[in-house]
Every structure is written in structure tokens, then in C-alpha cells.
Amino acid sequence: MPEEIRVPDQTPSMSVLDKFIGVISSPGEFFQSVAGTEPKTSNWALPLVLAIVVSIIFTAVVFNQPAIQDEMLGQQMKQFEKQIAEGKMTQEQADQAMQFSKPGSAMFLVFGSVGVTVVIVFALFAYTTVYFVAGKVAYKSTVSYSKVLEVNGLGMFIMPVATLVSMVTVIGMGSLFAQPSGALFVSDFDPNNSTHKLLAALNVLEFWGLYVTAVALSKVWNVSLGKAFGVVGGVFVVWTLIKVFGGLSLGGM
């Protein structure tokens, strides 16, 4: 008798809204239903597009707030004054740079929107690659790259919600750094201060996203949540330390 050929289950028939609600409200149950199915491009592409659109809205709305513009101009002036004092640029170059990067200007919003799009797309594939390799090394996972990409992408449904919440707190408090993180406990935030940057990295909304990603990976890797979170949390800690002490800007991934 020939061996029975097992055809993988098809992805559950759910609308985009159903998937969004599933990731937000019951990630364990949702990702369990997705774990044994064939990966679908739309499952990571749609959350990616939504995350980009909401992030562009954030850029357009937040950087048109007078309080935010004043805050950014102050930070830029400090940076340019430092570079002028160190002989890295002239006053004329600083003036030209200020005009080019003036918060709220059309050029600033265009480059800001393009920049955030590139960062989000790069982040999705970079983190997926790290998780894929980590799964193979740590847990001998045989899960395909496309499956890890799918569940990691689905986890991005958290990002639009987190972005909108951050937009409300930033506008409400009149500071780009007034996000639900340890930065709220700093009265005069300095983006060049390592301690301040470390506090800003302790963001409640980002921890939510990390938890959902760990749940997703635990289902496809078929390991405990603790083991999956060990990988996700480890990646977060390493990247945060690189950003904080490696001189990268706060606006990095």
C-alpha cells in the first residue's frame, strides 16, 4: 500500500481584520492555527504595508507640531554647533543643512517618509533572518525561512497600534521622546546620553511586540514560550546595546 501523502493544511480563511484582531487579542491561539499551514505572502505583506502607512502618518502629523519642531531644531542646533566647534563643518554648511533638514518642511517629510519605509522593510527581513538562523542553531528547527517571515510579519500588526499610541503621547506631551518608556522619567531628555537612550529603549509597546513575536516563533518552532522569548529577548538586548553604546541615533530600529 503506497504511503499516504500528507497535504499541508491551508491557511485558515480569515479576513485581514480577523488576523489583526487575532494577533492583538489572542496571539497564542491565532499563531497555533497558522503554524501548520503553508506560508502566504499576503500574511506578511499586508501588516508591513499597514505599518508603513501608519508610520508615514506619524511622520506627517508629529513633525508638523510646533512644539516638536522647536524641540528638534534645538537638538539640531546643538549637533551643528558641536561639529562647528570641532572643525567638522563651517557655519555656512550648518546653515544650509538646517534649511535642508528643517522639521516640517516638504523635503524633511519626503525624506522622513522614505527613510521610515526603508527602515521598516529592512527590519522585517533582518530580524526574520536572525530568527531563522537562531531557530536552526538553538533548536534544530526545520521551519522554512518563508514561514518565519510569515509569522514575524503577522506580528507587525502590533506596530500600527503602538505607533498610534506613541503619536498620542508625543503630541499630548509636546516631546518626541514622550513615549511609553523609561524616558518619561527624564525631565530633560538628551538623545546623546547613553543612560537616557537606555531608558527610552525600555518601551512598554516594544515589549508587547517582542512578546507577540516570541509567541509566534514558539508555535512554529514547537518550543516553549520561554525558549522562544530567550531568542527574541536576546536579539533585543544585543541590538539595544549596539544602539545605545555604538553611537547610533535613537530613531534606529
C-alpha atoms as a PDB file:
ATOM      1  CA  MET A   1       0.000   0.000   0.000  1.00  0.00           C
ATOM      2  CA  PRO A   2       1.554   3.336  -1.064  1.00  0.00           C
ATOM      3  CA  GLU A   3       2.486   5.773   1.685  1.00  0.00           C
ATOM      4  CA  GLU A   4      -0.164   8.385   2.285  1.00  0.00           C
ATOM      5  CA  ILE A   5       0.850  11.791   1.055  1.00  0.00           C
ATOM      6  CA  ARG A   6       0.049  14.466   3.625  1.00  0.00           C
ATOM      7  CA  VAL A   7      -1.013  17.749   2.111  1.00  0.00           C
ATOM      8  CA  PRO A   8      -0.354  20.698   4.429  1.00  0.00           C
ATOM      9  CA  ASP A   9      -3.417  22.409   5.807  1.00  0.00           C
ATOM     10  CA  GLN A  10      -4.472  25.529   4.029  1.00  0.00           C
ATOM     11  CA  THR A  11      -4.212  28.854   5.815  1.00  0.00           C
ATOM     12  CA  PRO A  12      -7.414  29.460   7.761  1.00  0.00           C
ATOM     13  CA  SER A  13      -9.862  31.567   5.789  1.00  0.00           C
ATOM     14  CA  MET A  14      -9.722  34.821   7.700  1.00  0.00           C
ATOM     15  CA  SER A  15     -10.111  38.432   6.690  1.00  0.00           C
ATOM     16  CA  VAL A  16      -7.348  40.949   7.353  1.00  0.00           C
ATOM     17  CA  LEU A  17      -9.438  42.274  10.243  1.00  0.00           C
ATOM     18  CA  ASP A  18      -9.768  38.771  11.718  1.00  0.00           C
ATOM     19  CA  LYS A  19      -5.996  38.315  11.569  1.00  0.00           C
ATOM     20  CA  PHE A  20      -5.401  41.739  13.099  1.00  0.00           C
ATOM     21  CA  ILE A  21      -7.787  41.009  15.974  1.00  0.00           C
ATOM     22  CA  GLY A  22      -6.286  37.537  16.425  1.00  0.00           C
ATOM     23  CA  VAL A  23      -2.744  38.889  16.777  1.00  0.00           C
ATOM     24  CA  ILE A  24      -3.861  41.658  19.126  1.00  0.00           C
ATOM     25  CA  SER A  25      -6.287  39.757  21.356  1.00  0.00           C
ATOM     26  CA  SER A  26      -5.250  36.080  21.330  1.00  0.00           C
ATOM     27  CA  PRO A  27      -1.809  35.597  19.735  1.00  0.00           C
ATOM     28  CA  GLY A  28      -1.339  32.105  21.165  1.00  0.00           C
ATOM     29  CA  GLU A  29      -4.496  30.726  19.632  1.00  0.00           C
ATOM     30  CA  PHE A  30      -4.023  32.638  16.388  1.00  0.00           C
ATOM     31  CA  PHE A  31      -0.438  31.560  15.729  1.00  0.00           C
ATOM     32  CA  GLN A  32      -1.256  27.982  16.688  1.00  0.00           C
ATOM     33  CA  SER A  33      -3.810  27.963  13.864  1.00  0.00           C
ATOM     34  CA  VAL A  34      -1.246  29.369  11.426  1.00  0.00           C
ATOM     35  CA  ALA A  35       1.735  27.232  12.485  1.00  0.00           C
ATOM     36  CA  GLY A  36       0.920  24.140  10.430  1.00  0.00           C
ATOM     37  CA  THR A  37      -0.203  25.903   7.256  1.00  0.00           C
ATOM     38  CA  GLU A  38       1.576  26.801   4.046  1.00  0.00           C
ATOM     39  CA  PRO A  39       3.050  30.332   4.275  1.00  0.00           C
ATOM     40  CA  LYS A  40       1.272  33.082   2.342  1.00  0.00           C
ATOM     41  CA  THR A  41       2.992  36.232   1.126  1.00  0.00           C
ATOM     42  CA  SER A  42      -0.033  38.354   1.979  1.00  0.00           C
ATOM     43  CA  ASN A  43       0.283  37.370   5.636  1.00  0.00           C
ATOM     44  CA  TRP A  44       3.474  39.398   5.995  1.00  0.00           C
ATOM     45  CA  ALA A  45       2.998  41.889   3.160  1.00  0.00           C
ATOM     46  CA  LEU A  46      -0.286  43.380   4.420  1.00  0.00           C
ATOM     47  CA  PRO A  47       0.917  44.053   8.001  1.00  0.00           C
ATOM     48  CA  LEU A  48       4.105  45.501   6.515  1.00  0.00           C
ATOM     49  CA  VAL A  49       2.178  47.924   4.302  1.00  0.00           C
ATOM     50  CA  LEU A  50      -0.114  48.914   7.176  1.00  0.00           C
ATOM     51  CA  ALA A  51       2.877  49.545   9.448  1.00  0.00           C
ATOM     52  CA  ILE A  52       4.497  51.740   6.781  1.00  0.00           C
ATOM     53  CA  VAL A  53       1.330  53.748   6.119  1.00  0.00           C
ATOM     54  CA  VAL A  54       0.722  54.456   9.812  1.00  0.00           C
ATOM     55  CA  SER A  55       4.404  55.355  10.319  1.00  0.00           C
ATOM     56  CA  ILE A  56       4.212  57.856   7.438  1.00  0.00           C
ATOM     57  CA  ILE A  57       1.087  59.347   9.028  1.00  0.00           C
ATOM     58  CA  PHE A  58       3.034  59.599  12.301  1.00  0.00           C
ATOM     59  CA  THR A  59       5.836  61.441  10.484  1.00  0.00           C
ATOM     60  CA  ALA A  60       3.456  63.853   8.746  1.00  0.00           C
ATOM     61  CA  VAL A  61       1.398  64.642  11.858  1.00  0.00           C
ATOM     62  CA  VAL A  62       4.025  64.691  14.593  1.00  0.00           C
ATOM     63  CA  PHE A  63       6.653  66.726  12.760  1.00  0.00           C
ATOM     64  CA  ASN A  64       4.108  69.397  11.920  1.00  0.00           C
ATOM     65  CA  GLN A  65       3.568  70.105  15.618  1.00  0.00           C
ATOM     66  CA  PRO A  66       5.229  73.427  16.613  1.00  0.00           C
ATOM     67  CA  ALA A  67       6.455  72.017  19.945  1.00  0.00           C
ATOM     68  CA  ILE A  68       8.095  69.048  18.223  1.00  0.00           C
ATOM     69  CA  GLN A  69       9.641  71.273  15.565  1.00  0.00           C
ATOM     70  CA  ASP A  70      11.135  73.559  18.227  1.00  0.00           C
ATOM     71  CA  GLU A  71      12.493  70.561  20.120  1.00  0.00           C
ATOM     72  CA  MET A  72      14.105  69.094  17.002  1.00  0.00           C
ATOM     73  CA  LEU A  73      15.547  72.439  15.913  1.00  0.00           C
ATOM     74  CA  GLY A  74      17.128  72.802  19.326  1.00  0.00           C
ATOM     75  CA  GLN A  75      18.672  69.328  19.080  1.00  0.00           C
ATOM     76  CA  GLN A  76      19.926  70.008  15.540  1.00  0.00           C
ATOM     77  CA  MET A  77      21.486  73.322  16.534  1.00  0.00           C
ATOM     78  CA  LYS A  78      23.378  71.625  19.370  1.00  0.00           C
ATOM     79  CA  GLN A  79      24.709  68.997  16.961  1.00  0.00           C
ATOM     80  CA  PHE A  80      25.782  71.567  14.365  1.00  0.00           C
ATOM     81  CA  GLU A  81      27.406  73.819  16.988  1.00  0.00           C
ATOM     82  CA  LYS A  82      29.402  70.844  18.237  1.00  0.00           C
ATOM     83  CA  GLN A  83      30.558  69.953  14.717  1.00  0.00           C
ATOM     84  CA  ILE A  84      31.479  73.582  14.007  1.00  0.00           C
ATOM     85  CA  ALA A  85      33.497  73.752  17.230  1.00  0.00           C
ATOM     86  CA  GLU A  86      35.290  70.518  16.259  1.00  0.00           C
ATOM     87  CA  GLY A  87      36.036  71.909  12.797  1.00  0.00           C
ATOM     88  CA  LYS A  88      33.954  69.259  11.046  1.00  0.00           C
ATOM     89  CA  MET A  89      31.760  71.831   9.258  1.00  0.00           C
ATOM     90  CA  THR A  90      31.559  75.576   8.656  1.00  0.00           C
ATOM     91  CA  GLN A  91      28.787  77.916   9.762  1.00  0.00           C
ATOM     92  CA  GLU A  92      27.686  78.208   6.139  1.00  0.00           C
ATOM     93  CA  GLN A  93      27.411  74.424   5.813  1.00  0.00           C
ATOM     94  CA  ALA A  94      25.462  74.307   9.062  1.00  0.00           C
ATOM     95  CA  ASP A  95      23.022  76.939   7.805  1.00  0.00           C
ATOM     96  CA  GLN A  96      22.488  75.012   4.570  1.00  0.00           C
ATOM     97  CA  ALA A  97      21.978  71.767   6.481  1.00  0.00           C
ATOM     98  CA  MET A  98      19.431  73.466   8.752  1.00  0.00           C
ATOM     99  CA  GLN A  99      17.417  74.605   5.746  1.00  0.00           C
ATOM    100  CA  PHE A 100      17.550  71.149   4.192  1.00  0.00           C
ATOM    101  CA  SER A 101      16.580  69.258   7.340  1.00  0.00           C
ATOM    102  CA  LYS A 102      14.174  71.761   8.870  1.00  0.00           C
ATOM    103  CA  PRO A 103      11.426  69.783  10.662  1.00  0.00           C
ATOM    104  CA  GLY A 104       8.059  70.084   8.949  1.00  0.00           C
ATOM    105  CA  SER A 105       9.462  71.163   5.587  1.00  0.00           C
ATOM    106  CA  ALA A 106       8.377  69.322   2.449  1.00  0.00           C
ATOM    107  CA  MET A 107      11.885  67.949   1.958  1.00  0.00           C
ATOM    108  CA  PHE A 108      12.035  66.751   5.566  1.00  0.00           C
ATOM    109  CA  LEU A 109       8.685  64.958   5.280  1.00  0.00           C
ATOM    110  CA  VAL A 110       9.590  63.319   1.963  1.00  0.00           C
ATOM    111  CA  PHE A 111      12.939  62.039   3.171  1.00  0.00           C
ATOM    112  CA  GLY A 112      11.411  61.113   6.524  1.00  0.00           C
ATOM    113  CA  SER A 113       8.713  59.034   4.840  1.00  0.00           C
ATOM    114  CA  VAL A 114      11.206  57.319   2.544  1.00  0.00           C
ATOM    115  CA  GLY A 115      13.536  56.709   5.455  1.00  0.00           C
ATOM    116  CA  VAL A 116      10.898  55.137   7.677  1.00  0.00           C
ATOM    117  CA  THR A 117       9.784  52.895   4.810  1.00  0.00           C
ATOM    118  CA  VAL A 118      13.317  51.634   4.204  1.00  0.00           C
ATOM    119  CA  VAL A 119      13.901  51.043   7.924  1.00  0.00           C
ATOM    120  CA  ILE A 120      10.676  49.072   8.423  1.00  0.00           C
ATOM    121  CA  VAL A 121      11.227  46.863   5.360  1.00  0.00           C
ATOM    122  CA  PHE A 122      14.856  46.248   6.289  1.00  0.00           C
ATOM    123  CA  ALA A 123      13.902  45.477   9.889  1.00  0.00           C
ATOM    124  CA  LEU A 124      11.356  42.845   8.860  1.00  0.00           C
ATOM    125  CA  PHE A 125      13.828  40.886   6.747  1.00  0.00           C
ATOM    126  CA  ALA A 126      16.822  41.454   9.034  1.00  0.00           C
ATOM    127  CA  TYR A 127      15.021  40.217  12.140  1.00  0.00           C
ATOM    128  CA  THR A 128      13.476  37.329  10.202  1.00  0.00           C
ATOM    129  CA  THR A 129      16.934  36.248   9.056  1.00  0.00           C
ATOM    130  CA  VAL A 130      18.302  36.394  12.600  1.00  0.00           C
ATOM    131  CA  TYR A 131      15.336  34.423  13.981  1.00  0.00           C
ATOM    132  CA  PHE A 132      15.579  31.862  11.183  1.00  0.00           C
ATOM    133  CA  VAL A 133      19.265  31.240  11.856  1.00  0.00           C
ATOM    134  CA  ALA A 134      18.757  31.269  15.636  1.00  0.00           C
ATOM    135  CA  GLY A 135      15.974  28.694  15.333  1.00  0.00           C
ATOM    136  CA  LYS A 136      18.189  26.363  13.354  1.00  0.00           C
ATOM    137  CA  VAL A 137      21.175  26.761  15.665  1.00  0.00           C
ATOM    138  CA  ALA A 138      19.415  26.772  19.035  1.00  0.00           C
ATOM    139  CA  TYR A 139      16.513  24.402  18.431  1.00  0.00           C
ATOM    140  CA  LYS A 140      17.457  22.498  15.246  1.00  0.00           C
ATOM    141  CA  SER A 141      14.366  23.963  13.608  1.00  0.00           C
ATOM    142  CA  THR A 142      13.436  22.757  10.120  1.00  0.00           C
ATOM    143  CA  VAL A 143      10.937  25.573   9.630  1.00  0.00           C
ATOM    144  CA  SER A 144      11.429  27.379   6.326  1.00  0.00           C
ATOM    145  CA  TYR A 145      12.549  30.989   6.027  1.00  0.00           C
ATOM    146  CA  SER A 146       9.230  31.882   4.381  1.00  0.00           C
ATOM    147  CA  LYS A 147       7.324  30.536   7.397  1.00  0.00           C
ATOM    148  CA  VAL A 148       9.426  32.515   9.867  1.00  0.00           C
ATOM    149  CA  LEU A 149       8.925  35.565   7.631  1.00  0.00           C
ATOM    150  CA  GLU A 150       5.171  34.989   7.626  1.00  0.00           C
ATOM    151  CA  VAL A 151       4.710  34.795  11.402  1.00  0.00           C
ATOM    152  CA  ASN A 152       7.214  37.583  12.074  1.00  0.00           C
ATOM    153  CA  GLY A 153       5.350  39.723   9.550  1.00  0.00           C
ATOM    154  CA  LEU A 154       1.977  38.921  11.100  1.00  0.00           C
ATOM    155  CA  GLY A 155       3.390  40.108  14.413  1.00  0.00           C
ATOM    156  CA  MET A 156       3.839  43.516  12.793  1.00  0.00           C
ATOM    157  CA  PHE A 157       0.105  44.083  13.248  1.00  0.00           C
ATOM    158  CA  ILE A 158       1.191  45.345  16.666  1.00  0.00           C
ATOM    159  CA  MET A 159       3.239  48.154  15.136  1.00  0.00           C
ATOM    160  CA  PRO A 160       0.383  50.382  13.825  1.00  0.00           C
ATOM    161  CA  VAL A 161      -1.311  50.252  17.226  1.00  0.00           C
ATOM    162  CA  ALA A 162       1.943  51.068  19.028  1.00  0.00           C
ATOM    163  CA  THR A 163       2.670  53.895  16.566  1.00  0.00           C
ATOM    164  CA  LEU A 164      -0.745  55.495  17.065  1.00  0.00           C
ATOM    165  CA  VAL A 165      -0.450  55.269  20.862  1.00  0.00           C
ATOM    166  CA  SER A 166       3.009  56.862  20.669  1.00  0.00           C
ATOM    167  CA  MET A 167       1.656  59.607  18.414  1.00  0.00           C
ATOM    168  CA  VAL A 168      -0.983  60.489  21.016  1.00  0.00           C
ATOM    169  CA  THR A 169       1.535  60.665  23.874  1.00  0.00           C
ATOM    170  CA  VAL A 170       4.093  62.593  21.821  1.00  0.00           C
ATOM    171  CA  ILE A 171       1.580  65.212  20.685  1.00  0.00           C
ATOM    172  CA  GLY A 172      -0.092  65.362  24.081  1.00  0.00           C
ATOM    173  CA  MET A 173       3.161  65.997  25.942  1.00  0.00           C
ATOM    174  CA  GLY A 174       4.845  68.022  23.199  1.00  0.00           C
ATOM    175  CA  SER A 175       8.019  65.966  23.028  1.00  0.00           C
ATOM    176  CA  LEU A 176       9.280  63.393  20.561  1.00  0.00           C
ATOM    177  CA  PHE A 177      10.687  61.431  23.487  1.00  0.00           C
ATOM    178  CA  ALA A 178       7.398  61.313  25.430  1.00  0.00           C
ATOM    179  CA  GLN A 179       6.658  57.720  24.523  1.00  0.00           C
ATOM    180  CA  PRO A 180       5.544  54.991  26.979  1.00  0.00           C
ATOM    181  CA  SER A 181       9.074  54.155  28.069  1.00  0.00           C
ATOM    182  CA  GLY A 182      11.590  54.907  30.769  1.00  0.00           C
ATOM    183  CA  ALA A 183      12.233  58.228  29.014  1.00  0.00           C
ATOM    184  CA  LEU A 184       9.089  59.587  30.673  1.00  0.00           C
ATOM    185  CA  PHE A 185      11.047  59.695  33.937  1.00  0.00           C
ATOM    186  CA  VAL A 186      13.684  62.009  32.447  1.00  0.00           C
ATOM    187  CA  SER A 187      12.863  65.708  32.755  1.00  0.00           C
ATOM    188  CA  ASP A 188      15.375  66.957  30.173  1.00  0.00           C
ATOM    189  CA  PHE A 189      15.966  64.142  27.692  1.00  0.00           C
ATOM    190  CA  ASP A 190      19.320  64.154  25.929  1.00  0.00           C
ATOM    191  CA  PRO A 191      19.429  61.815  22.870  1.00  0.00           C
ATOM    192  CA  ASN A 192      23.223  61.689  23.165  1.00  0.00           C
ATOM    193  CA  ASN A 193      23.143  60.478  26.768  1.00  0.00           C
ATOM    194  CA  SER A 194      23.596  56.699  26.972  1.00  0.00           C
ATOM    195  CA  THR A 195      21.532  56.383  30.154  1.00  0.00           C
ATOM    196  CA  HIS A 196      18.673  58.353  28.617  1.00  0.00           C
ATOM    197  CA  LYS A 197      18.790  56.239  25.449  1.00  0.00           C
ATOM    198  CA  LEU A 198      18.771  53.071  27.507  1.00  0.00           C
ATOM    199  CA  LEU A 199      15.680  54.256  29.383  1.00  0.00           C
ATOM    200  CA  ALA A 200      13.992  55.131  26.084  1.00  0.00           C
ATOM    201  CA  ALA A 201      14.629  51.578  24.879  1.00  0.00           C
ATOM    202  CA  LEU A 202      12.564  50.240  27.789  1.00  0.00           C
ATOM    203  CA  ASN A 203       9.347  50.814  25.879  1.00  0.00           C
ATOM    204  CA  VAL A 204       6.169  49.046  27.018  1.00  0.00           C
ATOM    205  CA  LEU A 205       4.810  48.906  23.474  1.00  0.00           C
ATOM    206  CA  GLU A 206       8.000  47.366  22.129  1.00  0.00           C
ATOM    207  CA  PHE A 207       7.892  44.729  24.855  1.00  0.00           C
ATOM    208  CA  TRP A 208       4.358  43.918  23.717  1.00  0.00           C
ATOM    209  CA  GLY A 209       5.667  43.384  20.194  1.00  0.00           C
ATOM    210  CA  LEU A 210       8.509  41.202  21.469  1.00  0.00           C
ATOM    211  CA  TYR A 211       6.038  39.057  23.393  1.00  0.00           C
ATOM    212  CA  VAL A 212       3.845  38.520  20.312  1.00  0.00           C
ATOM    213  CA  THR A 213       6.892  37.637  18.204  1.00  0.00           C
ATOM    214  CA  ALA A 214       8.009  35.123  20.836  1.00  0.00           C
ATOM    215  CA  VAL A 215       4.547  33.553  20.876  1.00  0.00           C
ATOM    216  CA  ALA A 216       4.592  33.271  17.076  1.00  0.00           C
ATOM    217  CA  LEU A 217       8.033  31.666  16.984  1.00  0.00           C
ATOM    218  CA  SER A 218       7.232  29.280  19.826  1.00  0.00           C
ATOM    219  CA  LYS A 219       4.334  27.910  17.770  1.00  0.00           C
ATOM    220  CA  VAL A 220       6.255  27.368  14.523  1.00  0.00           C
ATOM    221  CA  TRP A 221       9.366  26.082  16.311  1.00  0.00           C
ATOM    222  CA  ASN A 222       7.228  23.940  18.615  1.00  0.00           C
ATOM    223  CA  VAL A 223       9.150  25.041  21.700  1.00  0.00           C
ATOM    224  CA  SER A 224       8.097  26.668  24.956  1.00  0.00           C
ATOM    225  CA  LEU A 225       7.363  30.387  25.088  1.00  0.00           C
ATOM    226  CA  GLY A 226      10.315  30.814  27.423  1.00  0.00           C
ATOM    227  CA  LYS A 227      12.748  29.344  24.898  1.00  0.00           C
ATOM    228  CA  ALA A 228      11.385  31.468  22.068  1.00  0.00           C
ATOM    229  CA  PHE A 229      11.487  34.575  24.230  1.00  0.00           C
ATOM    230  CA  GLY A 230      15.095  33.752  25.065  1.00  0.00           C
ATOM    231  CA  VAL A 231      15.951  34.224  21.395  1.00  0.00           C
ATOM    232  CA  VAL A 232      13.747  37.276  20.841  1.00  0.00           C
ATOM    233  CA  GLY A 233      14.819  38.909  24.086  1.00  0.00           C
ATOM    234  CA  GLY A 234      18.457  38.146  23.413  1.00  0.00           C
ATOM    235  CA  VAL A 235      18.302  39.798  19.993  1.00  0.00           C
ATOM    236  CA  PHE A 236      16.580  42.822  21.542  1.00  0.00           C
ATOM    237  CA  VAL A 237      19.225  43.200  24.255  1.00  0.00           C
ATOM    238  CA  VAL A 238      22.150  42.902  21.838  1.00  0.00           C
ATOM    239  CA  TRP A 239      20.678  45.378  19.350  1.00  0.00           C
ATOM    240  CA  THR A 240      19.718  47.821  22.108  1.00  0.00           C
ATOM    241  CA  LEU A 241      23.261  47.806  23.488  1.00  0.00           C
ATOM    242  CA  ILE A 242      24.640  48.408  19.993  1.00  0.00           C
ATOM    243  CA  LYS A 243      22.291  51.372  19.505  1.00  0.00           C
ATOM    244  CA  VAL A 244      22.911  52.854  22.934  1.00  0.00           C
ATOM    245  CA  PHE A 245      26.674  52.450  23.181  1.00  0.00           C
ATOM    246  CA  GLY A 246      27.544  52.244  19.492  1.00  0.00           C
ATOM    247  CA  GLY A 247      26.628  55.841  18.774  1.00  0.00           C
ATOM    248  CA  LEU A 248      23.579  55.079  16.627  1.00  0.00           C
ATOM    249  CA  SER A 249      20.666  57.503  16.586  1.00  0.00           C
ATOM    250  CA  LEU A 250      17.644  56.954  18.781  1.00  0.00           C
ATOM    251  CA  GLY A 251      15.492  56.705  15.728  1.00  0.00           C
ATOM    252  CA  GLY A 252      17.093  53.445  14.646  1.00  0.00           C
ATOM    253  CA  MET A 253      15.239  50.128  14.622  1.00  0.00           C
END
